[in-house]
Amino acid sequence: MKILHVDTNHPLLIEQFAELGFENHEDYTSSKEEIEAKIHLYDGLVIRSRFTIDEEFLNKAINLKFIGRVGAGLENIAIRHAKEKGVFLANAPEGNRNAVGEHALGMLLSLMNNLTKAHREVRKGKWDREGNRGVELDGKTIGIIGYGNMGKAFAQKLKGFDVEILCYDIKGGVGDENARQVGILELQQKSDVISLHVPQNDLSIGMVNTEFINAFSKSFWLINTARGKCVVTKDLVEGLKSGKILGAGLDVLEYEKKSFENMFTKRPKPFKYLRKAGNVILTPHVGGWTVESKEKLAQTIVDKIKAEFC
């Protein structure tokens, strides 16, 4: 099979595909239109997030047997159309779940202990101990929304703390020894922390809005390592201003482009607030972006394609 790689990834992808007898072609610079014009020549496509794979693209990929998406989600692919055309879709949430779990925990501990705020102040010569008094995680209730690979990894990282862990998911029976599955009302009644681990879809887009925030019985910390469009930024800012949200750790932003590789050109007003807020941590969509996860993601894709076609 002829495989086209349009994003750079760990070299093991190409090495192991070659060992399987696949013919690898690399094109990391051509535009989507240029790739579209030659995609009919290929049996497989390996992509990360450089552009979206829409219906028009798929219609031109007349010989395509699989798409390997080196990442957790498939929202940059027209999934239904791909399946209708018999294209096997392989993504790799298993590959970066540990990295995401560690990142979410790091963000939470940093928020609760004012680490980034204190760091900025000390660098400016300000020594404010009382203003940076922290809050301990022990004794808190952690609510995890979305209990798949990422949510389970975060719960596992919390095992060493004296906390209650609740999970909410549209699928039943996903709770385990690390988290008790509950309904949304119990989650909103008990949680001190909310961590999002959901895919981007019609149910999750705009999920965290004013109505959602105000439904919580207690003020809470919010961690989002999932997708930026799950949170309505202007409503989040209002929650931060009112104190309903105690702090936010955001690895993803509503304003990211669909490819997730770049942010935006304009600077919306809510984002300006987030940049300056002392109780907000922002990172550039790197929750699953570690040295180790780069290799794990690639290996997961190889293993899934090998199992399906070899």
Protein backbone atom coordinates (compact mmCIF):
# COMPACT_ATOMS: atom_id res chain seq x y z
CA MET A 1 0.00 0.00 0.00
CA LYS A 2 1.08 3.55 -0.72
CA ILE A 3 0.90 5.80 2.34
CA LEU A 4 0.97 9.60 2.30
CA HIS A 5 2.25 11.38 5.42
CA VAL A 6 1.19 15.04 5.57
CA ASP A 7 2.32 15.84 9.13
CA THR A 8 5.68 15.15 10.74
CA ASN A 9 5.52 12.51 13.45
CA HIS A 10 7.83 10.14 15.26
CA PRO A 11 10.09 8.38 12.70
CA LEU A 12 8.96 4.95 13.89
CA LEU A 13 5.77 5.42 11.87
CA ILE A 14 7.62 5.43 8.58
CA GLU A 15 10.18 2.86 9.72
CA GLN A 16 7.60 0.32 10.86
CA PHE A 17 5.28 0.89 7.90
CA ALA A 18 8.26 0.20 5.63
CA GLU A 19 8.94 -3.02 7.52
CA LEU A 20 5.33 -4.03 6.81
CA GLY A 21 5.96 -3.51 3.10
CA PHE A 22 4.15 -0.19 2.77
CA GLU A 23 5.47 2.50 0.43
CA ASN A 24 5.85 5.77 2.33
CA HIS A 25 5.52 9.19 0.71
CA GLU A 26 6.05 12.41 2.68
CA ASP A 27 4.59 15.82 1.85
CA TYR A 28 4.64 18.30 4.71
CA THR A 29 4.41 21.54 2.73
CA SER A 30 1.79 21.23 -0.02
CA SER A 31 -1.55 22.90 0.48
CA LYS A 32 -4.72 20.96 1.14
CA GLU A 33 -5.78 21.57 -2.45
CA GLU A 34 -2.52 20.14 -3.74
CA ILE A 35 -2.85 17.09 -1.51
CA GLU A 36 -6.46 16.70 -2.60
CA ALA A 37 -5.36 16.60 -6.25
CA LYS A 38 -3.17 13.54 -5.69
CA ILE A 39 -4.88 11.72 -2.84
CA HIS A 40 -6.46 9.28 -5.33
CA LEU A 41 -3.00 7.72 -5.71
CA TYR A 42 -2.84 6.60 -2.08
CA ASP A 43 -4.21 3.75 0.01
CA GLY A 44 -3.43 5.36 3.36
CA LEU A 45 -3.17 8.84 4.83
CA VAL A 46 -1.38 9.77 8.04
CA ILE A 47 -2.29 13.16 9.46
CA ARG A 48 -2.11 15.01 12.72
CA SER A 49 -3.97 18.31 12.50
CA ARG A 50 -2.66 20.23 9.48
CA PHE A 51 -6.06 20.48 7.80
CA THR A 52 -9.56 19.01 7.93
CA ILE A 53 -10.56 15.92 5.97
CA ASP A 54 -13.99 16.90 4.68
CA GLU A 55 -16.44 15.15 2.36
CA GLU A 56 -15.01 16.77 -0.76
CA PHE A 57 -11.54 15.53 0.13
CA LEU A 58 -12.83 12.03 0.84
CA ASN A 59 -14.73 11.91 -2.45
CA LYS A 60 -11.45 12.42 -4.28
CA ALA A 61 -9.67 9.76 -2.20
CA ILE A 62 -11.10 6.94 -4.28
CA ASN A 63 -8.51 4.36 -3.22
CA LEU A 64 -8.17 5.35 0.41
CA LYS A 65 -8.38 2.43 2.81
CA PHE A 66 -7.36 4.11 6.06
CA ILE A 67 -6.64 7.40 7.78
CA GLY A 68 -4.27 7.38 10.71
CA ARG A 69 -4.88 10.44 12.88
CA VAL A 70 -1.90 10.80 15.22
CA GLY A 71 -3.81 12.28 18.13
CA ALA A 72 -6.73 11.63 20.41
CA GLY A 73 -9.73 12.99 18.52
CA LEU A 74 -11.23 12.63 15.05
CA GLU A 75 -13.12 15.92 14.87
CA ASN A 76 -11.03 17.16 11.95
CA ILE A 77 -12.35 14.25 9.86
CA ALA A 78 -15.82 13.81 8.35
CA ILE A 79 -16.28 10.58 10.27
CA ARG A 80 -19.67 9.47 8.95
CA HIS A 81 -18.72 10.03 5.32
CA ALA A 82 -15.42 8.22 5.81
CA LYS A 83 -17.18 5.20 7.26
CA GLU A 84 -19.73 5.22 4.46
CA LYS A 85 -16.85 4.99 2.01
CA GLY A 86 -15.31 2.12 3.97
CA VAL A 87 -12.29 4.08 5.20
CA PHE A 88 -10.81 2.69 8.40
CA LEU A 89 -10.15 5.43 10.97
CA ALA A 90 -7.37 4.99 13.50
CA ASN A 91 -6.76 7.55 16.23
CA ALA A 92 -4.61 7.18 19.32
CA PRO A 93 -6.10 8.41 22.62
CA GLU A 94 -4.21 5.60 24.34
CA GLY A 95 -0.95 7.20 23.27
CA ASN A 96 -1.17 10.48 25.15
CA ARG A 97 -3.58 9.74 27.99
CA ASN A 98 -0.83 9.60 30.59
CA ALA A 99 0.58 12.93 29.42
CA VAL A 100 -2.87 14.55 29.62
CA GLY A 101 -3.48 13.15 33.09
CA GLU A 102 -0.19 14.55 34.36
CA HIS A 103 -0.78 17.92 32.71
CA ALA A 104 -4.26 18.26 34.22
CA LEU A 105 -2.93 17.43 37.67
CA GLY A 106 -0.06 19.87 37.29
CA MET A 107 -2.43 22.64 36.29
CA LEU A 108 -4.73 21.94 39.22
CA LEU A 109 -1.97 21.93 41.84
CA SER A 110 -0.47 25.08 40.35
CA LEU A 111 -3.81 26.88 40.49
CA MET A 112 -4.64 25.85 44.04
CA ASN A 113 -1.19 26.92 45.26
CA ASN A 114 -0.91 30.11 43.18
CA LEU A 115 2.38 28.91 41.68
CA THR A 116 2.30 30.89 38.43
CA LYS A 117 0.96 34.03 40.12
CA ALA A 118 3.62 33.87 42.83
CA HIS A 119 6.31 33.18 40.23
CA ARG A 120 5.37 36.27 38.22
CA GLU A 121 5.26 38.45 41.34
CA VAL A 122 8.63 37.32 42.69
CA ARG A 123 10.25 37.94 39.32
CA LYS A 124 8.95 41.50 39.55
CA GLY A 125 10.35 41.88 43.07
CA LYS A 126 7.04 41.45 44.90
CA TRP A 127 7.17 39.20 48.01
CA ASP A 128 3.55 38.52 48.99
CA ARG A 129 3.23 35.42 51.17
CA GLU A 130 -0.31 35.97 52.45
CA GLY A 131 -1.63 36.88 49.01
CA ASN A 132 -0.34 33.55 47.74
CA ARG A 133 -1.58 31.30 50.52
CA GLY A 134 -2.62 28.04 48.87
CA VAL A 135 -5.49 25.60 49.24
CA GLU A 136 -4.90 21.87 49.74
CA LEU A 137 -6.34 19.27 47.40
CA ASP A 138 -6.94 16.75 50.19
CA GLY A 139 -10.55 16.61 51.29
CA LYS A 140 -11.89 17.97 48.01
CA THR A 141 -14.29 16.35 45.55
CA ILE A 142 -13.07 16.09 41.98
CA GLY A 143 -15.63 15.88 39.19
CA ILE A 144 -14.46 14.41 35.90
CA ILE A 145 -16.65 14.98 32.85
CA GLY A 146 -15.91 12.39 30.19
CA TYR A 147 -14.54 9.14 31.56
CA GLY A 148 -12.66 7.59 28.67
CA ASN A 149 -8.91 7.30 28.20
CA MET A 150 -8.10 10.83 29.38
CA GLY A 151 -10.56 10.98 32.25
CA LYS A 152 -9.42 7.62 33.59
CA ALA A 153 -5.78 8.68 33.39
CA PHE A 154 -6.49 11.82 35.41
CA ALA A 155 -8.39 9.83 38.03
CA GLN A 156 -5.49 7.40 38.32
CA LYS A 157 -3.09 10.30 38.95
CA LEU A 158 -5.31 11.47 41.82
CA LYS A 159 -5.11 8.14 43.69
CA GLY A 160 -2.40 9.39 46.04
CA PHE A 161 -4.59 12.20 47.37
CA ASP A 162 -7.31 12.03 50.00
CA VAL A 163 -10.06 13.07 47.59
CA GLU A 164 -13.45 11.84 46.40
CA ILE A 165 -13.50 11.33 42.65
CA LEU A 166 -16.77 11.44 40.72
CA CYS A 167 -17.20 10.90 37.01
CA TYR A 168 -19.99 11.83 34.63
CA ASP A 169 -20.31 10.35 31.15
CA ILE A 170 -23.12 9.89 28.62
CA LYS A 171 -22.19 6.19 28.57
CA GLY A 172 -23.32 4.10 31.50
CA GLY A 173 -21.18 1.72 33.47
CA VAL A 174 -17.85 3.50 32.97
CA GLY A 175 -17.04 4.05 36.64
CA ASP A 176 -14.23 2.01 38.18
CA GLU A 177 -12.14 1.66 41.33
CA ASN A 178 -10.80 5.19 40.82
CA ALA A 179 -14.04 7.10 40.24
CA ARG A 180 -17.71 6.67 41.08
CA GLN A 181 -20.07 7.40 38.20
CA VAL A 182 -22.85 9.86 39.09
CA GLY A 183 -25.52 11.92 37.39
CA ILE A 184 -24.93 15.53 36.45
CA LEU A 185 -26.95 16.85 39.41
CA GLU A 186 -24.80 15.07 42.00
CA LEU A 187 -21.68 16.16 40.17
CA GLN A 188 -22.79 19.79 40.31
CA GLN A 189 -23.83 19.51 43.93
CA LYS A 190 -20.60 18.03 45.30
CA SER A 191 -17.67 19.03 43.08
CA ASP A 192 -14.91 21.40 44.14
CA VAL A 193 -13.03 20.79 40.91
CA ILE A 194 -14.26 20.06 37.38
CA SER A 195 -11.94 18.57 34.78
CA LEU A 196 -13.12 18.18 31.18
CA HIS A 197 -12.10 15.12 29.17
CA VAL A 198 -14.75 14.99 26.45
CA PRO A 199 -14.43 14.82 22.66
CA GLN A 200 -15.63 17.74 20.58
CA ASN A 201 -19.11 17.02 19.26
CA ASP A 202 -22.60 18.51 19.16
CA LEU A 203 -23.17 17.65 22.82
CA SER A 204 -19.94 19.11 24.15
CA ILE A 205 -19.57 22.32 22.13
CA GLY A 206 -20.53 25.23 24.40
CA MET A 207 -21.24 22.86 27.27
CA VAL A 208 -19.61 25.03 29.93
CA ASN A 209 -21.73 28.16 29.77
CA THR A 210 -23.40 30.47 32.31
CA GLU A 211 -26.26 28.05 32.98
CA PHE A 212 -23.84 25.18 33.54
CA ILE A 213 -21.58 27.23 35.82
CA ASN A 214 -24.38 28.61 37.96
CA ALA A 215 -25.86 25.15 38.49
CA PHE A 216 -22.97 24.23 40.81
CA SER A 217 -23.65 24.41 44.53
CA LYS A 218 -20.10 25.49 45.33
CA SER A 219 -17.52 27.66 43.66
CA PHE A 220 -15.08 25.43 41.80
CA TRP A 221 -11.81 25.21 39.89
CA LEU A 222 -12.08 24.36 36.17
CA ILE A 223 -9.51 22.37 34.19
CA ASN A 224 -9.88 21.96 30.44
CA THR A 225 -7.42 19.73 28.59
CA ALA A 226 -10.12 18.51 26.17
CA ARG A 227 -11.27 20.91 23.45
CA GLY A 228 -11.50 24.68 23.62
CA LYS A 229 -14.95 24.94 22.11
CA CYS A 230 -16.41 23.02 25.04
CA VAL A 231 -16.14 26.24 27.08
CA VAL A 232 -17.88 29.51 26.23
CA THR A 233 -15.04 31.88 27.07
CA LYS A 234 -17.10 34.97 27.80
CA ASP A 235 -19.24 32.97 30.26
CA LEU A 236 -16.09 31.56 31.86
CA VAL A 237 -14.76 35.09 32.34
CA GLU A 238 -17.99 36.14 34.02
CA GLY A 239 -17.72 33.13 36.30
CA LEU A 240 -14.17 34.10 37.22
CA LYS A 241 -15.18 37.70 37.90
CA SER A 242 -18.10 36.64 40.12
CA GLY A 243 -15.99 34.12 42.05
CA LYS A 244 -18.18 31.20 40.98
CA ILE A 245 -15.09 29.82 39.27
CA LEU A 246 -12.12 29.99 41.62
CA GLY A 247 -9.55 29.51 38.88
CA ALA A 248 -9.13 27.97 35.44
CA GLY A 249 -6.41 25.86 33.86
CA LEU A 250 -6.88 25.96 30.11
CA ASP A 251 -4.70 23.94 27.77
CA VAL A 252 -7.17 24.58 24.94
CA LEU A 253 -9.07 27.67 23.85
CA GLU A 254 -12.33 28.36 22.09
CA TYR A 255 -10.43 30.46 19.55
CA GLU A 256 -8.19 27.72 18.21
CA LYS A 257 -8.40 27.00 14.52
CA LYS A 258 -9.93 23.69 13.47
CA SER A 259 -6.50 22.18 12.86
CA PHE A 260 -5.51 22.85 16.52
CA GLU A 261 -2.02 23.73 15.25
CA ASN A 262 -2.54 27.47 15.44
CA MET A 263 -4.60 29.89 17.48
CA PHE A 264 -6.33 32.94 16.05
CA THR A 265 -5.43 36.23 14.45
CA LYS A 266 -7.78 38.49 16.39
CA ARG A 267 -7.59 38.89 20.17
CA PRO A 268 -11.14 38.73 21.57
CA LYS A 269 -11.87 40.71 24.70
CA PRO A 270 -12.46 37.64 26.93
CA PHE A 271 -9.04 36.31 26.00
CA LYS A 272 -7.43 39.57 27.06
CA TYR A 273 -8.94 39.06 30.50
CA LEU A 274 -7.65 35.48 30.70
CA ARG A 275 -4.14 36.62 29.82
CA LYS A 276 -4.02 39.02 32.75
CA ALA A 277 -5.94 37.05 35.37
CA GLY A 278 -3.82 35.76 38.25
CA ASN A 279 -6.06 32.74 38.76
CA VAL A 280 -5.81 31.48 35.17
CA ILE A 281 -3.15 29.23 33.64
CA LEU A 282 -2.90 29.04 29.86
CA THR A 283 -0.90 26.51 27.87
CA PRO A 284 -0.81 26.10 24.04
CA HIS A 285 -2.62 22.76 23.59
CA VAL A 286 0.31 20.74 24.88
CA GLY A 287 -1.45 18.57 27.47
CA GLY A 288 -0.69 15.43 25.51
CA TRP A 289 2.49 16.79 23.96
CA THR A 290 5.43 15.06 25.64
CA VAL A 291 8.56 13.35 24.38
CA GLU A 292 7.10 10.02 25.47
CA SER A 293 3.63 10.58 24.03
CA LYS A 294 5.04 11.41 20.60
CA GLU A 295 6.40 7.88 20.39
CA LYS A 296 3.35 6.27 22.01
CA LEU A 297 0.94 8.01 19.62
CA ALA A 298 2.88 6.83 16.58
CA GLN A 299 3.18 3.28 17.89
CA THR A 300 -0.55 3.12 18.58
CA ILE A 301 -1.34 4.09 14.99
CA VAL A 302 1.05 1.48 13.59
CA ASP A 303 -0.40 -1.21 15.84
CA LYS A 304 -3.99 -0.44 14.81
CA ILE A 305 -3.22 -0.35 11.08
CA LYS A 306 -1.19 -3.56 11.36
CA ALA A 307 -4.03 -5.32 13.19
CA GLU A 308 -6.54 -4.22 10.54
CA PHE A 309 -4.60 -4.82 7.33
CA CYS A 310 -1.78 -7.27 8.01
